[in-house]
Amino acid sequence: MPKISKEKKDRIQEQILLFFYSIFPKQVFTADIAREIARDEEFVKDLLKNMEKDSLVVKIDKNPLGTVYGRRLRWRMSNKAY
């Protein structure tokens, strides 16, 4: 698999942030984000984890009833980034 340059990763992260900004304060699953920006789910998940380290996005791992998701994650833009 070809390597993706840092510049291209940064652009994709900008697309993700733009998507989050357009739906703020909704929380969306990784699969929905990947579908929206037409990218692979695992690639998007890696980008989101990096963005979480930079405090740009927030990971939600529990549903509204407080049950921890087994295999899914929801994300939203952090208040700091907004």
C-alpha atoms as a PDB file:
ATOM      1  CA  MET A   1       0.000   0.000   0.000  1.00  0.00           C
ATOM      2  CA  PRO A   2       1.454   3.415  -0.917  1.00  0.00           C
ATOM      3  CA  LYS A   3       2.364   5.827   1.836  1.00  0.00           C
ATOM      4  CA  ILE A   4       0.305   8.978   2.155  1.00  0.00           C
ATOM      5  CA  SER A   5       2.258  12.179   2.680  1.00  0.00           C
ATOM      6  CA  LYS A   6       1.808  14.269   5.793  1.00  0.00           C
ATOM      7  CA  GLU A   7       0.426  17.086   3.643  1.00  0.00           C
ATOM      8  CA  LYS A   8      -2.334  14.847   2.283  1.00  0.00           C
ATOM      9  CA  LYS A   9      -3.141  13.511   5.762  1.00  0.00           C
ATOM     10  CA  ASP A  10      -3.443  17.098   6.991  1.00  0.00           C
ATOM     11  CA  ARG A  11      -5.854  17.898   4.169  1.00  0.00           C
ATOM     12  CA  ILE A  12      -7.978  14.860   4.977  1.00  0.00           C
ATOM     13  CA  GLN A  13      -8.028  15.901   8.635  1.00  0.00           C
ATOM     14  CA  GLU A  14      -9.224  19.327   7.504  1.00  0.00           C
ATOM     15  CA  GLN A  15     -12.049  17.624   5.580  1.00  0.00           C
ATOM     16  CA  ILE A  16     -13.003  15.721   8.734  1.00  0.00           C
ATOM     17  CA  LEU A  17     -13.029  18.923  10.797  1.00  0.00           C
ATOM     18  CA  LEU A  18     -15.119  20.676   8.152  1.00  0.00           C
ATOM     19  CA  PHE A  19     -17.621  17.820   8.292  1.00  0.00           C
ATOM     20  CA  PHE A  20     -17.738  18.021  12.098  1.00  0.00           C
ATOM     21  CA  TYR A  21     -18.155  21.792  11.949  1.00  0.00           C
ATOM     22  CA  SER A  22     -21.120  21.439   9.587  1.00  0.00           C
ATOM     23  CA  ILE A  23     -22.948  19.053  11.946  1.00  0.00           C
ATOM     24  CA  PHE A  24     -21.784  20.413  15.347  1.00  0.00           C
ATOM     25  CA  PRO A  25     -22.712  19.344  18.097  1.00  0.00           C
ATOM     26  CA  LYS A  26     -23.870  15.990  16.674  1.00  0.00           C
ATOM     27  CA  GLN A  27     -21.864  12.860  17.391  1.00  0.00           C
ATOM     28  CA  VAL A  28     -21.216  10.466  14.508  1.00  0.00           C
ATOM     29  CA  PHE A  29     -19.783   6.983  14.148  1.00  0.00           C
ATOM     30  CA  THR A  30     -16.432   6.365  12.457  1.00  0.00           C
ATOM     31  CA  ALA A  31     -18.180   4.586   9.567  1.00  0.00           C
ATOM     32  CA  ASP A  32     -20.367   7.636   8.887  1.00  0.00           C
ATOM     33  CA  ILE A  33     -17.322   9.911   8.784  1.00  0.00           C
ATOM     34  CA  ALA A  34     -15.494   7.526   6.436  1.00  0.00           C
ATOM     35  CA  ARG A  35     -18.539   7.369   4.158  1.00  0.00           C
ATOM     36  CA  GLU A  36     -18.883  11.165   4.132  1.00  0.00           C
ATOM     37  CA  ILE A  37     -15.275  11.826   3.093  1.00  0.00           C
ATOM     38  CA  ALA A  38     -14.984   8.650   0.945  1.00  0.00           C
ATOM     39  CA  ARG A  39     -12.102   7.054   2.848  1.00  0.00           C
ATOM     40  CA  ASP A  40     -11.362   3.683   4.440  1.00  0.00           C
ATOM     41  CA  GLU A  41     -12.724   3.270   7.983  1.00  0.00           C
ATOM     42  CA  GLU A  42      -9.431   2.091   9.510  1.00  0.00           C
ATOM     43  CA  PHE A  43      -7.545   4.991   7.935  1.00  0.00           C
ATOM     44  CA  VAL A  44     -10.137   7.464   9.245  1.00  0.00           C
ATOM     45  CA  LYS A  45      -9.997   5.853  12.691  1.00  0.00           C
ATOM     46  CA  ASP A  46      -6.198   6.322  12.805  1.00  0.00           C
ATOM     47  CA  LEU A  47      -6.563   9.960  11.772  1.00  0.00           C
ATOM     48  CA  LEU A  48      -9.247  10.525  14.413  1.00  0.00           C
ATOM     49  CA  LYS A  49      -7.025   9.035  17.124  1.00  0.00           C
ATOM     50  CA  ASN A  50      -4.230  11.424  16.115  1.00  0.00           C
ATOM     51  CA  MET A  51      -6.684  14.319  16.108  1.00  0.00           C
ATOM     52  CA  GLU A  52      -7.855  13.285  19.591  1.00  0.00           C
ATOM     53  CA  LYS A  53      -4.257  13.604  20.846  1.00  0.00           C
ATOM     54  CA  ASP A  54      -4.237  17.163  19.487  1.00  0.00           C
ATOM     55  CA  SER A  55      -7.566  17.891  21.274  1.00  0.00           C
ATOM     56  CA  LEU A  56      -9.407  18.506  17.997  1.00  0.00           C
ATOM     57  CA  VAL A  57     -11.991  15.739  18.403  1.00  0.00           C
ATOM     58  CA  VAL A  58     -13.570  13.924  21.343  1.00  0.00           C
ATOM     59  CA  LYS A  59     -14.167  10.174  21.428  1.00  0.00           C
ATOM     60  CA  ILE A  60     -17.503   8.972  22.820  1.00  0.00           C
ATOM     61  CA  ASP A  61     -17.364   5.310  23.777  1.00  0.00           C
ATOM     62  CA  LYS A  62     -20.698   5.042  25.605  1.00  0.00           C
ATOM     63  CA  ASN A  63     -24.255   5.214  24.350  1.00  0.00           C
ATOM     64  CA  PRO A  64     -26.789   7.647  25.896  1.00  0.00           C
ATOM     65  CA  LEU A  65     -27.745   4.995  28.472  1.00  0.00           C
ATOM     66  CA  GLY A  66     -24.147   4.678  29.672  1.00  0.00           C
ATOM     67  CA  THR A  67     -23.402   1.300  28.104  1.00  0.00           C
ATOM     68  CA  VAL A  68     -19.897   1.033  26.663  1.00  0.00           C
ATOM     69  CA  TYR A  69     -19.791   0.347  22.925  1.00  0.00           C
ATOM     70  CA  GLY A  70     -18.164  -2.985  22.126  1.00  0.00           C
ATOM     71  CA  ARG A  71     -16.814  -2.312  18.657  1.00  0.00           C
ATOM     72  CA  ARG A  72     -17.987   1.143  17.660  1.00  0.00           C
ATOM     73  CA  LEU A  73     -16.897   4.670  18.474  1.00  0.00           C
ATOM     74  CA  ARG A  74     -18.685   7.952  18.046  1.00  0.00           C
ATOM     75  CA  TRP A  75     -16.830  11.215  17.626  1.00  0.00           C
ATOM     76  CA  ARG A  76     -17.536  14.921  17.845  1.00  0.00           C
ATOM     77  CA  MET A  77     -15.540  18.082  17.417  1.00  0.00           C
ATOM     78  CA  SER A  78     -14.018  19.329  20.666  1.00  0.00           C
ATOM     79  CA  ASN A  79     -15.227  22.617  22.093  1.00  0.00           C
ATOM     80  CA  LYS A  80     -11.670  23.929  21.797  1.00  0.00           C
ATOM     81  CA  ALA A  81     -11.578  23.203  18.060  1.00  0.00           C
ATOM     82  CA  TYR A  82     -15.057  24.625  17.487  1.00  0.00           C
END
